[in-house]
PDB file of N, CA and C in Angstrom:
ATOM      1  N   MET A   1       9.357 -32.603  -1.973  1.00  0.00           N
ATOM      2  CA  MET A   1       9.994 -31.319  -2.214  1.00  0.00           C
ATOM      3  C   MET A   1      10.936 -31.030  -1.049  1.00  0.00           C
ATOM      4  N   SER A   2      12.147 -30.705  -1.353  1.00  0.00           N
ATOM      5  CA  SER A   2      13.091 -30.399  -0.284  1.00  0.00           C
ATOM      6  C   SER A   2      12.815 -29.013   0.271  1.00  0.00           C
ATOM      7  N   LYS A   3      13.296 -28.809   1.478  1.00  0.00           N
ATOM      8  CA  LYS A   3      13.036 -27.535   2.152  1.00  0.00           C
ATOM      9  C   LYS A   3      13.569 -26.350   1.354  1.00  0.00           C
ATOM     10  N   SER A   4      14.658 -26.537   0.623  1.00  0.00           N
ATOM     11  CA  SER A   4      15.245 -25.441  -0.146  1.00  0.00           C
ATOM     12  C   SER A   4      14.364 -25.021  -1.322  1.00  0.00           C
ATOM     13  N   ASN A   5      13.424 -25.873  -1.710  1.00  0.00           N
ATOM     14  CA  ASN A   5      12.529 -25.526  -2.808  1.00  0.00           C
ATOM     15  C   ASN A   5      11.315 -24.727  -2.359  1.00  0.00           C
ATOM     16  N   LEU A   6      11.084 -24.681  -1.070  1.00  0.00           N
ATOM     17  CA  LEU A   6       9.915 -23.985  -0.565  1.00  0.00           C
ATOM     18  C   LEU A   6      10.055 -22.478  -0.759  1.00  0.00           C
ATOM     19  N   ALA A   7       8.966 -21.867  -1.134  1.00  0.00           N
ATOM     20  CA  ALA A   7       8.971 -20.405  -1.295  1.00  0.00           C
ATOM     21  C   ALA A   7       9.099 -19.765   0.077  1.00  0.00           C
ATOM     22  N   PRO A   8       9.839 -18.674   0.165  1.00  0.00           N
ATOM     23  CA  PRO A   8       9.978 -18.003   1.455  1.00  0.00           C
ATOM     24  C   PRO A   8       8.638 -17.437   1.923  1.00  0.00           C
ATOM     25  N   LYS A   9       8.428 -17.499   3.234  1.00  0.00           N
ATOM     26  CA  LYS A   9       7.215 -16.931   3.820  1.00  0.00           C
ATOM     27  C   LYS A   9       7.521 -15.527   4.327  1.00  0.00           C
ATOM     28  N   MET A  10       6.528 -14.671   4.229  1.00  0.00           N
ATOM     29  CA  MET A  10       6.653 -13.313   4.751  1.00  0.00           C
ATOM     30  C   MET A  10       5.422 -13.028   5.597  1.00  0.00           C
ATOM     31  N   ALA A  11       5.588 -12.270   6.644  1.00  0.00           N
ATOM     32  CA  ALA A  11       4.469 -11.926   7.523  1.00  0.00           C
ATOM     33  C   ALA A  11       3.703 -10.755   6.921  1.00  0.00           C
ATOM     34  N   ILE A  12       2.604 -11.069   6.244  1.00  0.00           N
ATOM     35  CA  ILE A  12       1.799 -10.028   5.608  1.00  0.00           C
ATOM     36  C   ILE A  12       0.383 -10.119   6.153  1.00  0.00           C
ATOM     37  N   THR A  13      -0.109  -9.001   6.645  1.00  0.00           N
ATOM     38  CA  THR A  13      -1.459  -8.931   7.193  1.00  0.00           C
ATOM     39  C   THR A  13      -2.208  -7.826   6.479  1.00  0.00           C
ATOM     40  N   THR A  14      -3.407  -8.141   6.043  1.00  0.00           N
ATOM     41  CA  THR A  14      -4.288  -7.160   5.410  1.00  0.00           C
ATOM     42  C   THR A  14      -5.596  -7.181   6.184  1.00  0.00           C
ATOM     43  N   GLU A  15      -6.207  -6.024   6.328  1.00  0.00           N
ATOM     44  CA  GLU A  15      -7.469  -5.961   7.047  1.00  0.00           C
ATOM     45  C   GLU A  15      -8.605  -5.653   6.082  1.00  0.00           C
ATOM     46  N   TYR A  16      -9.617  -6.484   6.123  1.00  0.00           N
ATOM     47  CA  TYR A  16     -10.819  -6.315   5.316  1.00  0.00           C
ATOM     48  C   TYR A  16     -12.025  -6.285   6.259  1.00  0.00           C
ATOM     49  N   HIS A  17     -12.774  -5.220   6.241  1.00  0.00           N
ATOM     50  CA  HIS A  17     -13.988  -5.108   7.051  1.00  0.00           C
ATOM     51  C   HIS A  17     -13.723  -5.474   8.509  1.00  0.00           C
ATOM     52  N   ASN A  18     -12.679  -4.886   9.064  1.00  0.00           N
ATOM     53  CA  ASN A  18     -12.275  -5.107  10.465  1.00  0.00           C
ATOM     54  C   ASN A  18     -11.871  -6.554  10.762  1.00  0.00           C
ATOM     55  N   GLN A  19     -11.551  -7.327   9.747  1.00  0.00           N
ATOM     56  CA  GLN A  19     -11.098  -8.707   9.913  1.00  0.00           C
ATOM     57  C   GLN A  19      -9.685  -8.829   9.359  1.00  0.00           C
ATOM     58  N   LYS A  20      -8.741  -9.243  10.200  1.00  0.00           N
ATOM     59  CA  LYS A  20      -7.361  -9.395   9.748  1.00  0.00           C
ATOM     60  C   LYS A  20      -7.185 -10.711   9.000  1.00  0.00           C
ATOM     61  N   VAL A  21      -6.538 -10.622   7.850  1.00  0.00           N
ATOM     62  CA  VAL A  21      -6.268 -11.790   7.019  1.00  0.00           C
ATOM     63  C   VAL A  21      -4.753 -11.928   6.898  1.00  0.00           C
ATOM     64  N   TYR A  22      -4.235 -13.101   7.288  1.00  0.00           N
ATOM     65  CA  TYR A  22      -2.808 -13.376   7.222  1.00  0.00           C
ATOM     66  C   TYR A  22      -2.523 -14.212   5.979  1.00  0.00           C
ATOM     67  N   ASP A  23      -1.578 -13.751   5.176  1.00  0.00           N
ATOM     68  CA  ASP A  23      -1.237 -14.464   3.950  1.00  0.00           C
ATOM     69  C   ASP A  23       0.279 -14.414   3.780  1.00  0.00           C
ATOM     70  N   SER A  24       0.919 -15.514   4.048  1.00  0.00           N
ATOM     71  CA  SER A  24       2.383 -15.580   4.001  1.00  0.00           C
ATOM     72  C   SER A  24       2.950 -15.481   2.594  1.00  0.00           C
ATOM     73  N   TYR A  25       2.102 -15.667   1.592  1.00  0.00           N
ATOM     74  CA  TYR A  25       2.574 -15.662   0.211  1.00  0.00           C
ATOM     75  C   TYR A  25       1.947 -14.552  -0.623  1.00  0.00           C
ATOM     76  N   ARG A  26       1.407 -13.558   0.000  1.00  0.00           N
ATOM     77  CA  ARG A  26       0.755 -12.453  -0.713  1.00  0.00           C
ATOM     78  C   ARG A  26       1.727 -11.732  -1.645  1.00  0.00           C
ATOM     79  N   TYR A  27       2.980 -11.657  -1.245  1.00  0.00           N
ATOM     80  CA  TYR A  27       3.985 -10.967  -2.063  1.00  0.00           C
ATOM     81  C   TYR A  27       4.118 -11.579  -3.453  1.00  0.00           C
ATOM     82  N   MET A  28       3.716 -12.837  -3.609  1.00  0.00           N
ATOM     83  CA  MET A  28       3.829 -13.502  -4.910  1.00  0.00           C
ATOM     84  C   MET A  28       2.857 -12.935  -5.942  1.00  0.00           C
ATOM     85  N   GLU A  29       1.888 -12.183  -5.486  1.00  0.00           N
ATOM     86  CA  GLU A  29       0.953 -11.545  -6.416  1.00  0.00           C
ATOM     87  C   GLU A  29       1.619 -10.403  -7.177  1.00  0.00           C
ATOM     88  N   ASN A  30       2.707  -9.893  -6.608  1.00  0.00           N
ATOM     89  CA  ASN A  30       3.475  -8.829  -7.258  1.00  0.00           C
ATOM     90  C   ASN A  30       4.587  -9.494  -8.064  1.00  0.00           C
ATOM     91  N   LEU A  31       4.395  -9.608  -9.348  1.00  0.00           N
ATOM     92  CA  LEU A  31       5.361 -10.315 -10.191  1.00  0.00           C
ATOM     93  C   LEU A  31       6.680  -9.574 -10.360  1.00  0.00           C
ATOM     94  N   LYS A  32       6.787  -8.383  -9.800  1.00  0.00           N
ATOM     95  CA  LYS A  32       8.036  -7.625  -9.849  1.00  0.00           C
ATOM     96  C   LYS A  32       8.782  -7.669  -8.515  1.00  0.00           C
ATOM     97  N   ASP A  33       8.245  -8.380  -7.540  1.00  0.00           N
ATOM     98  CA  ASP A  33       8.870  -8.489  -6.226  1.00  0.00           C
ATOM     99  C   ASP A  33      10.200  -9.232  -6.345  1.00  0.00           C
ATOM    100  N   SER A  34      11.260  -8.637  -5.836  1.00  0.00           N
ATOM    101  CA  SER A  34      12.596  -9.215  -6.011  1.00  0.00           C
ATOM    102  C   SER A  34      12.745 -10.562  -5.304  1.00  0.00           C
ATOM    103  N   ILE A  35      12.133 -10.735  -4.154  1.00  0.00           N
ATOM    104  CA  ILE A  35      12.222 -12.019  -3.449  1.00  0.00           C
ATOM    105  C   ILE A  35      11.553 -13.111  -4.271  1.00  0.00           C
ATOM    106  N   PHE A  36      10.382 -12.809  -4.801  1.00  0.00           N
ATOM    107  CA  PHE A  36       9.665 -13.775  -5.634  1.00  0.00           C
ATOM    108  C   PHE A  36      10.443 -14.089  -6.904  1.00  0.00           C
ATOM    109  N   LEU A  37      10.939 -13.063  -7.575  1.00  0.00           N
ATOM    110  CA  LEU A  37      11.685 -13.275  -8.816  1.00  0.00           C
ATOM    111  C   LEU A  37      12.932 -14.127  -8.590  1.00  0.00           C
ATOM    112  N   ASN A  38      13.638 -13.864  -7.506  1.00  0.00           N
ATOM    113  CA  ASN A  38      14.839 -14.661  -7.208  1.00  0.00           C
ATOM    114  C   ASN A  38      14.482 -16.109  -6.936  1.00  0.00           C
ATOM    115  N   TRP A  39      13.380 -16.347  -6.223  1.00  0.00           N
ATOM    116  CA  TRP A  39      12.944 -17.709  -5.955  1.00  0.00           C
ATOM    117  C   TRP A  39      12.583 -18.423  -7.254  1.00  0.00           C
ATOM    118  N   VAL A  40      11.880 -17.753  -8.152  1.00  0.00           N
ATOM    119  CA  VAL A  40      11.503 -18.357  -9.438  1.00  0.00           C
ATOM    120  C   VAL A  40      12.761 -18.692 -10.241  1.00  0.00           C
ATOM    121  N   LYS A  41      13.721 -17.795 -10.268  1.00  0.00           N
ATOM    122  CA  LYS A  41      14.968 -18.052 -11.002  1.00  0.00           C
ATOM    123  C   LYS A  41      15.722 -19.241 -10.419  1.00  0.00           C
ATOM    124  N   GLU A  42      15.745 -19.350  -9.092  1.00  0.00           N
ATOM    125  CA  GLU A  42      16.400 -20.496  -8.450  1.00  0.00           C
ATOM    126  C   GLU A  42      15.697 -21.799  -8.819  1.00  0.00           C
ATOM    127  N   GLN A  43      14.376 -21.771  -8.841  1.00  0.00           N
ATOM    128  CA  GLN A  43      13.625 -22.975  -9.193  1.00  0.00           C
ATOM    129  C   GLN A  43      13.879 -23.378 -10.648  1.00  0.00           C
ATOM    130  N   GLU A  44      13.931 -22.398 -11.501  1.00  0.00           N
ATOM    131  CA  GLU A  44      14.206 -22.673 -12.919  1.00  0.00           C
ATOM    132  C   GLU A  44      15.604 -23.286 -13.085  1.00  0.00           C
ATOM    133  N   HIS A  45      16.570 -22.727 -12.367  1.00  0.00           N
ATOM    134  CA  HIS A  45      17.936 -23.239 -12.447  1.00  0.00           C
ATOM    135  C   HIS A  45      17.999 -24.687 -11.935  1.00  0.00           C
ATOM    136  N   LYS A  46      17.315 -24.981 -10.827  1.00  0.00           N
ATOM    137  CA  LYS A  46      17.303 -26.335 -10.285  1.00  0.00           C
ATOM    138  C   LYS A  46      16.649 -27.299 -11.255  1.00  0.00           C
ATOM    139  N   LEU A  47      15.590 -26.857 -11.903  1.00  0.00           N
ATOM    140  CA  LEU A  47      14.898 -27.716 -12.865  1.00  0.00           C
ATOM    141  C   LEU A  47      15.788 -28.047 -14.056  1.00  0.00           C
ATOM    142  N   LYS A  48      16.479 -27.029 -14.569  1.00  0.00           N
ATOM    143  CA  LYS A  48      17.337 -27.236 -15.737  1.00  0.00           C
ATOM    144  C   LYS A  48      18.556 -28.069 -15.417  1.00  0.00           C
ATOM    145  N   SER A  49      19.039 -27.995 -14.175  1.00  0.00           N
ATOM    146  CA  SER A  49      20.254 -28.725 -13.824  1.00  0.00           C
ATOM    147  C   SER A  49      19.965 -30.145 -13.331  1.00  0.00           C
ATOM    148  N   SER A  50      18.698 -30.508 -13.214  1.00  0.00           N
ATOM    149  CA  SER A  50      18.386 -31.870 -12.732  1.00  0.00           C
ATOM    150  C   SER A  50      18.253 -32.853 -13.872  1.00  0.00           C
TER     151      SER A  50
END
């Protein structure tokens, strides 16, 4: 997989029971997130054009 295909990472920290959890891809759980949607559209375009 080329670097351009990698999903963008975001610095997201959530705290559960006084324990910090770092999840760079948590935003992908929100299917309406514009960054995620744009990445999915780019991947679809690359797939169709290959």
